[in-house]
Amino acid sequence: MRRSFYHYLMTERDPHKKDAVTLFANDVYLDVGFPKQSENYQEISQYLELNGDYLPEMTIFDVAWERYIEKDQA
């Protein structure tokens, strides 16, 4: 069974690194409304477009999603 995107993203958290995906992961951790059980790109993308004020551009989500898919296939 695939883990949720949120679960994967929590592996990218780090208080010291400042790359875009890490900052995104740190912000998602603080977002109580984030769809934590979702594995669905469209659902998460739509949520972020409506509620992800902390995400400066959606391409960061796309990069994180690609990493998520790659890790799932490894």
PDB file of N, CA and C in Angstrom:
ATOM      1  N   MET A   1       0.838  -1.186   0.000  1.00  0.00           N
ATOM      2  CA  MET A   1       0.000   0.000   0.000  1.00  0.00           C
ATOM      3  C   MET A   1       0.881   1.246   0.000  1.00  0.00           C
ATOM      4  N   ARG A   2       0.512   2.196  -0.829  1.00  0.00           N
ATOM      5  CA  ARG A   2       1.256   3.437  -0.928  1.00  0.00           C
ATOM      6  C   ARG A   2       0.968   4.311   0.280  1.00  0.00           C
ATOM      7  N   ARG A   3       1.980   4.989   0.757  1.00  0.00           N
ATOM      8  CA  ARG A   3       1.751   5.943   1.852  1.00  0.00           C
ATOM      9  C   ARG A   3       1.187   7.231   1.271  1.00  0.00           C
ATOM     10  N   SER A   4       0.562   8.005   2.112  1.00  0.00           N
ATOM     11  CA  SER A   4      -0.029   9.260   1.649  1.00  0.00           C
ATOM     12  C   SER A   4       1.072  10.260   1.283  1.00  0.00           C
ATOM     13  N   PHE A   5       0.692  11.246   0.481  1.00  0.00           N
ATOM     14  CA  PHE A   5       1.633  12.296   0.103  1.00  0.00           C
ATOM     15  C   PHE A   5       2.116  13.026   1.352  1.00  0.00           C
ATOM     16  N   TYR A   6       1.210  13.288   2.271  1.00  0.00           N
ATOM     17  CA  TYR A   6       1.574  13.966   3.525  1.00  0.00           C
ATOM     18  C   TYR A   6       2.645  13.166   4.269  1.00  0.00           C
ATOM     19  N   HIS A   7       2.442  11.872   4.385  1.00  0.00           N
ATOM     20  CA  HIS A   7       3.401  11.022   5.086  1.00  0.00           C
ATOM     21  C   HIS A   7       4.776  11.105   4.419  1.00  0.00           C
ATOM     22  N   TYR A   8       4.797  11.035   3.083  1.00  0.00           N
ATOM     23  CA  TYR A   8       6.063  11.200   2.372  1.00  0.00           C
ATOM     24  C   TYR A   8       6.660  12.582   2.656  1.00  0.00           C
ATOM     25  N   LEU A   9       5.840  13.615   2.548  1.00  0.00           N
ATOM     26  CA  LEU A   9       6.343  14.983   2.683  1.00  0.00           C
ATOM     27  C   LEU A   9       6.959  15.224   4.055  1.00  0.00           C
ATOM     28  N   MET A  10       6.460  14.544   5.064  1.00  0.00           N
ATOM     29  CA  MET A  10       7.031  14.709   6.406  1.00  0.00           C
ATOM     30  C   MET A  10       8.470  14.199   6.486  1.00  0.00           C
ATOM     31  N   THR A  11       8.870  13.335   5.560  1.00  0.00           N
ATOM     32  CA  THR A  11      10.265  12.878   5.521  1.00  0.00           C
ATOM     33  C   THR A  11      11.184  13.953   4.951  1.00  0.00           C
ATOM     34  N   GLU A  12      10.604  14.971   4.323  1.00  0.00           N
ATOM     35  CA  GLU A  12      11.377  16.072   3.741  1.00  0.00           C
ATOM     36  C   GLU A  12      11.550  17.250   4.708  1.00  0.00           C
ATOM     37  N   ARG A  13      10.921  17.181   5.868  1.00  0.00           N
ATOM     38  CA  ARG A  13      11.034  18.282   6.841  1.00  0.00           C
ATOM     39  C   ARG A  13      12.444  18.359   7.405  1.00  0.00           C
ATOM     40  N   ASP A  14      12.879  19.579   7.662  1.00  0.00           N
ATOM     41  CA  ASP A  14      14.187  19.803   8.267  1.00  0.00           C
ATOM     42  C   ASP A  14      14.241  21.258   8.717  1.00  0.00           C
ATOM     43  N   PRO A  15      14.553  21.510   9.981  1.00  0.00           N
ATOM     44  CA  PRO A  15      14.579  22.899  10.453  1.00  0.00           C
ATOM     45  C   PRO A  15      15.780  23.700   9.944  1.00  0.00           C
ATOM     46  N   HIS A  16      16.763  23.023   9.339  1.00  0.00           N
ATOM     47  CA  HIS A  16      17.983  23.710   8.929  1.00  0.00           C
ATOM     48  C   HIS A  16      18.089  23.933   7.422  1.00  0.00           C
ATOM     49  N   LYS A  17      17.533  23.033   6.642  1.00  0.00           N
ATOM     50  CA  LYS A  17      17.593  23.177   5.187  1.00  0.00           C
ATOM     51  C   LYS A  17      16.599  24.236   4.731  1.00  0.00           C
ATOM     52  N   LYS A  18      16.933  24.933   3.683  1.00  0.00           N
ATOM     53  CA  LYS A  18      16.091  26.031   3.205  1.00  0.00           C
ATOM     54  C   LYS A  18      15.679  25.875   1.743  1.00  0.00           C
ATOM     55  N   ASP A  19      15.786  24.646   1.178  1.00  0.00           N
ATOM     56  CA  ASP A  19      15.334  24.480  -0.204  1.00  0.00           C
ATOM     57  C   ASP A  19      13.807  24.541  -0.241  1.00  0.00           C
ATOM     58  N   ALA A  20      13.263  24.732  -1.423  1.00  0.00           N
ATOM     59  CA  ALA A  20      11.829  24.983  -1.576  1.00  0.00           C
ATOM     60  C   ALA A  20      10.963  23.823  -1.079  1.00  0.00           C
ATOM     61  N   VAL A  21      11.335  22.586  -1.388  1.00  0.00           N
ATOM     62  CA  VAL A  21      10.526  21.446  -0.973  1.00  0.00           C
ATOM     63  C   VAL A  21      10.553  21.296   0.542  1.00  0.00           C
ATOM     64  N   THR A  22      11.689  21.517   1.160  1.00  0.00           N
ATOM     65  CA  THR A  22      11.784  21.432   2.619  1.00  0.00           C
ATOM     66  C   THR A  22      10.933  22.506   3.280  1.00  0.00           C
ATOM     67  N   LEU A  23      10.982  23.711   2.777  1.00  0.00           N
ATOM     68  CA  LEU A  23      10.153  24.782   3.337  1.00  0.00           C
ATOM     69  C   LEU A  23       8.672  24.456   3.152  1.00  0.00           C
ATOM     70  N   PHE A  24       8.307  23.893   2.005  1.00  0.00           N
ATOM     71  CA  PHE A  24       6.940  23.462   1.742  1.00  0.00           C
ATOM     72  C   PHE A  24       6.523  22.403   2.762  1.00  0.00           C
ATOM     73  N   ALA A  25       7.380  21.424   2.976  1.00  0.00           N
ATOM     74  CA  ALA A  25       7.083  20.360   3.949  1.00  0.00           C
ATOM     75  C   ALA A  25       6.903  20.934   5.347  1.00  0.00           C
ATOM     76  N   ASN A  26       7.750  21.856   5.729  1.00  0.00           N
ATOM     77  CA  ASN A  26       7.632  22.474   7.052  1.00  0.00           C
ATOM     78  C   ASN A  26       6.311  23.226   7.195  1.00  0.00           C
ATOM     79  N   ASP A  27       5.891  23.899   6.137  1.00  0.00           N
ATOM     80  CA  ASP A  27       4.621  24.639   6.177  1.00  0.00           C
ATOM     81  C   ASP A  27       3.420  23.704   6.186  1.00  0.00           C
ATOM     82  N   VAL A  28       3.475  22.620   5.407  1.00  0.00           N
ATOM     83  CA  VAL A  28       2.374  21.653   5.392  1.00  0.00           C
ATOM     84  C   VAL A  28       2.195  21.048   6.777  1.00  0.00           C
ATOM     85  N   TYR A  29       3.278  20.815   7.480  1.00  0.00           N
ATOM     86  CA  TYR A  29       3.220  20.266   8.837  1.00  0.00           C
ATOM     87  C   TYR A  29       2.351  21.148   9.742  1.00  0.00           C
ATOM     88  N   LEU A  30       2.401  22.447   9.524  1.00  0.00           N
ATOM     89  CA  LEU A  30       1.651  23.398  10.350  1.00  0.00           C
ATOM     90  C   LEU A  30       0.214  23.617   9.862  1.00  0.00           C
ATOM     91  N   ASP A  31      -0.122  23.083   8.688  1.00  0.00           N
ATOM     92  CA  ASP A  31      -1.437  23.272   8.078  1.00  0.00           C
ATOM     93  C   ASP A  31      -2.390  22.177   8.569  1.00  0.00           C
ATOM     94  N   VAL A  32      -3.246  22.507   9.523  1.00  0.00           N
ATOM     95  CA  VAL A  32      -4.139  21.509  10.128  1.00  0.00           C
ATOM     96  C   VAL A  32      -5.217  21.015   9.162  1.00  0.00           C
ATOM     97  N   GLY A  33      -5.485  21.751   8.091  1.00  0.00           N
ATOM     98  CA  GLY A  33      -6.512  21.353   7.147  1.00  0.00           C
ATOM     99  C   GLY A  33      -6.009  20.531   5.970  1.00  0.00           C
ATOM    100  N   PHE A  34      -4.708  20.344   5.874  1.00  0.00           N
ATOM    101  CA  PHE A  34      -4.138  19.618   4.739  1.00  0.00           C
ATOM    102  C   PHE A  34      -4.704  18.200   4.674  1.00  0.00           C
ATOM    103  N   PRO A  35      -5.051  17.709   3.472  1.00  0.00           N
ATOM    104  CA  PRO A  35      -5.613  16.352   3.336  1.00  0.00           C
ATOM    105  C   PRO A  35      -4.550  15.276   3.587  1.00  0.00           C
ATOM    106  N   LYS A  36      -4.371  14.938   4.833  1.00  0.00           N
ATOM    107  CA  LYS A  36      -3.264  14.081   5.261  1.00  0.00           C
ATOM    108  C   LYS A  36      -3.326  12.640   4.755  1.00  0.00           C
ATOM    109  N   GLN A  37      -4.492  12.144   4.442  1.00  0.00           N
ATOM    110  CA  GLN A  37      -4.616  10.753   3.998  1.00  0.00           C
ATOM    111  C   GLN A  37      -4.614  10.610   2.473  1.00  0.00           C
ATOM    112  N   SER A  38      -4.566  11.702   1.752  1.00  0.00           N
ATOM    113  CA  SER A  38      -4.732  11.653   0.301  1.00  0.00           C
ATOM    114  C   SER A  38      -3.480  11.166  -0.430  1.00  0.00           C
ATOM    115  N   GLU A  39      -3.724  10.410  -1.492  1.00  0.00           N
ATOM    116  CA  GLU A  39      -2.702   9.978  -2.441  1.00  0.00           C
ATOM    117  C   GLU A  39      -3.042  10.520  -3.826  1.00  0.00           C
ATOM    118  N   ASN A  40      -4.013  11.436  -3.897  1.00  0.00           N
ATOM    119  CA  ASN A  40      -4.567  11.903  -5.149  1.00  0.00           C
ATOM    120  C   ASN A  40      -4.019  13.288  -5.513  1.00  0.00           C
ATOM    121  N   TYR A  41      -3.335  13.361  -6.650  1.00  0.00           N
ATOM    122  CA  TYR A  41      -2.720  14.606  -7.104  1.00  0.00           C
ATOM    123  C   TYR A  41      -3.750  15.728  -7.232  1.00  0.00           C
ATOM    124  N   GLN A  42      -4.880  15.434  -7.884  1.00  0.00           N
ATOM    125  CA  GLN A  42      -5.893  16.474  -8.126  1.00  0.00           C
ATOM    126  C   GLN A  42      -6.461  17.030  -6.819  1.00  0.00           C
ATOM    127  N   GLU A  43      -6.749  16.145  -5.888  1.00  0.00           N
ATOM    128  CA  GLU A  43      -7.303  16.582  -4.599  1.00  0.00           C
ATOM    129  C   GLU A  43      -6.332  17.497  -3.859  1.00  0.00           C
ATOM    130  N   ILE A  44      -5.078  17.104  -3.811  1.00  0.00           N
ATOM    131  CA  ILE A  44      -4.081  17.902  -3.088  1.00  0.00           C
ATOM    132  C   ILE A  44      -3.802  19.205  -3.822  1.00  0.00           C
ATOM    133  N   SER A  45      -3.697  19.135  -5.143  1.00  0.00           N
ATOM    134  CA  SER A  45      -3.447  20.331  -5.936  1.00  0.00           C
ATOM    135  C   SER A  45      -4.565  21.353  -5.748  1.00  0.00           C
ATOM    136  N   GLN A  46      -5.800  20.882  -5.805  1.00  0.00           N
ATOM    137  CA  GLN A  46      -6.940  21.786  -5.617  1.00  0.00           C
ATOM    138  C   GLN A  46      -6.927  22.397  -4.219  1.00  0.00           C
ATOM    139  N   TYR A  47      -6.632  21.586  -3.216  1.00  0.00           N
ATOM    140  CA  TYR A  47      -6.558  22.105  -1.848  1.00  0.00           C
ATOM    141  C   TYR A  47      -5.507  23.219  -1.761  1.00  0.00           C
ATOM    142  N   LEU A  48      -4.333  22.968  -2.331  1.00  0.00           N
ATOM    143  CA  LEU A  48      -3.260  23.957  -2.251  1.00  0.00           C
ATOM    144  C   LEU A  48      -3.591  25.235  -3.008  1.00  0.00           C
ATOM    145  N   GLU A  49      -4.264  25.093  -4.148  1.00  0.00           N
ATOM    146  CA  GLU A  49      -4.650  26.285  -4.908  1.00  0.00           C
ATOM    147  C   GLU A  49      -5.617  27.160  -4.122  1.00  0.00           C
ATOM    148  N   LEU A  50      -6.471  26.538  -3.329  1.00  0.00           N
ATOM    149  CA  LEU A  50      -7.458  27.294  -2.553  1.00  0.00           C
ATOM    150  C   LEU A  50      -6.964  27.705  -1.166  1.00  0.00           C
ATOM    151  N   ASN A  51      -6.056  26.923  -0.584  1.00  0.00           N
ATOM    152  CA  ASN A  51      -5.678  27.140   0.813  1.00  0.00           C
ATOM    153  C   ASN A  51      -4.182  27.252   1.075  1.00  0.00           C
ATOM    154  N   GLY A  52      -3.369  27.039   0.073  1.00  0.00           N
ATOM    155  CA  GLY A  52      -1.926  27.008   0.280  1.00  0.00           C
ATOM    156  C   GLY A  52      -1.257  28.353   0.143  1.00  0.00           C
ATOM    157  N   ASP A  53      -1.666  29.303   0.951  1.00  0.00           N
ATOM    158  CA  ASP A  53      -1.084  30.645   0.896  1.00  0.00           C
ATOM    159  C   ASP A  53       0.419  30.629   1.159  1.00  0.00           C
ATOM    160  N   TYR A  54       0.893  29.613   1.845  1.00  0.00           N
ATOM    161  CA  TYR A  54       2.305  29.489   2.175  1.00  0.00           C
ATOM    162  C   TYR A  54       3.148  28.973   1.003  1.00  0.00           C
ATOM    163  N   LEU A  55       2.500  28.531  -0.066  1.00  0.00           N
ATOM    164  CA  LEU A  55       3.202  27.979  -1.222  1.00  0.00           C
ATOM    165  C   LEU A  55       3.355  29.066  -2.282  1.00  0.00           C
ATOM    166  N   PRO A  56       4.593  29.567  -2.499  1.00  0.00           N
ATOM    167  CA  PRO A  56       4.767  30.687  -3.424  1.00  0.00           C
ATOM    168  C   PRO A  56       4.462  30.345  -4.882  1.00  0.00           C
ATOM    169  N   GLU A  57       4.649  29.084  -5.283  1.00  0.00           N
ATOM    170  CA  GLU A  57       4.310  28.669  -6.639  1.00  0.00           C
ATOM    171  C   GLU A  57       4.028  27.175  -6.668  1.00  0.00           C
ATOM    172  N   MET A  58       3.088  26.782  -7.513  1.00  0.00           N
ATOM    173  CA  MET A  58       2.647  25.387  -7.575  1.00  0.00           C
ATOM    174  C   MET A  58       3.722  24.449  -8.121  1.00  0.00           C
ATOM    175  N   THR A  59       4.724  24.985  -8.791  1.00  0.00           N
ATOM    176  CA  THR A  59       5.784  24.114  -9.303  1.00  0.00           C
ATOM    177  C   THR A  59       6.535  23.421  -8.168  1.00  0.00           C
ATOM    178  N   ILE A  60       6.548  24.016  -6.994  1.00  0.00           N
ATOM    179  CA  ILE A  60       7.180  23.382  -5.824  1.00  0.00           C
ATOM    180  C   ILE A  60       6.413  22.117  -5.455  1.00  0.00           C
ATOM    181  N   PHE A  61       5.098  22.205  -5.481  1.00  0.00           N
ATOM    182  CA  PHE A  61       4.280  21.020  -5.241  1.00  0.00           C
ATOM    183  C   PHE A  61       4.559  19.966  -6.301  1.00  0.00           C
ATOM    184  N   ASP A  62       4.665  20.375  -7.556  1.00  0.00           N
ATOM    185  CA  ASP A  62       4.928  19.427  -8.639  1.00  0.00           C
ATOM    186  C   ASP A  62       6.257  18.697  -8.448  1.00  0.00           C
ATOM    187  N   VAL A  63       7.281  19.413  -8.029  1.00  0.00           N
ATOM    188  CA  VAL A  63       8.585  18.792  -7.757  1.00  0.00           C
ATOM    189  C   VAL A  63       8.451  17.793  -6.608  1.00  0.00           C
ATOM    190  N   ALA A  64       7.774  18.193  -5.552  1.00  0.00           N
ATOM    191  CA  ALA A  64       7.575  17.297  -4.408  1.00  0.00           C
ATOM    192  C   ALA A  64       6.768  16.070  -4.821  1.00  0.00           C
ATOM    193  N   TRP A  65       5.749  16.268  -5.659  1.00  0.00           N
ATOM    194  CA  TRP A  65       4.925  15.144  -6.116  1.00  0.00           C
ATOM    195  C   TRP A  65       5.771  14.159  -6.930  1.00  0.00           C
ATOM    196  N   GLU A  66       6.641  14.666  -7.804  1.00  0.00           N
ATOM    197  CA  GLU A  66       7.514  13.789  -8.596  1.00  0.00           C
ATOM    198  C   GLU A  66       8.421  12.969  -7.679  1.00  0.00           C
ATOM    199  N   ARG A  67       8.962  13.588  -6.658  1.00  0.00           N
ATOM    200  CA  ARG A  67       9.801  12.854  -5.692  1.00  0.00           C
ATOM    201  C   ARG A  67       8.987  11.780  -4.978  1.00  0.00           C
ATOM    202  N   TYR A  68       7.765  12.118  -4.633  1.00  0.00           N
ATOM    203  CA  TYR A  68       6.851  11.178  -3.975  1.00  0.00           C
ATOM    204  C   TYR A  68       6.623   9.951  -4.858  1.00  0.00           C
ATOM    205  N   ILE A  69       6.347  10.172  -6.128  1.00  0.00           N
ATOM    206  CA  ILE A  69       6.107   9.073  -7.063  1.00  0.00           C
ATOM    207  C   ILE A  69       7.376   8.244  -7.239  1.00  0.00           C
ATOM    208  N   GLU A  70       8.521   8.892  -7.371  1.00  0.00           N
ATOM    209  CA  GLU A  70       9.787   8.182  -7.544  1.00  0.00           C
ATOM    210  C   GLU A  70      10.098   7.312  -6.321  1.00  0.00           C
ATOM    211  N   LYS A  71       9.892   7.832  -5.127  1.00  0.00           N
ATOM    212  CA  LYS A  71      10.173   7.071  -3.903  1.00  0.00           C
ATOM    213  C   LYS A  71       9.221   5.883  -3.782  1.00  0.00           C
ATOM    214  N   ASP A  72       7.989   6.067  -4.245  1.00  0.00           N
ATOM    215  CA  ASP A  72       7.008   5.001  -4.171  1.00  0.00           C
ATOM    216  C   ASP A  72       7.362   3.845  -5.099  1.00  0.00           C
ATOM    217  N   GLN A  73       8.023   4.160  -6.213  1.00  0.00           N
ATOM    218  CA  GLN A  73       8.378   3.135  -7.182  1.00  0.00           C
ATOM    219  C   GLN A  73       9.715   2.475  -6.865  1.00  0.00           C
ATOM    220  N   ALA A  74      10.481   3.081  -5.984  1.00  0.00           N
ATOM    221  CA  ALA A  74      11.823   2.535  -5.650  1.00  0.00           C
ATOM    222  C   ALA A  74      11.737   1.300  -4.787  1.00  0.00           C
TER     223      ALA A  74
END
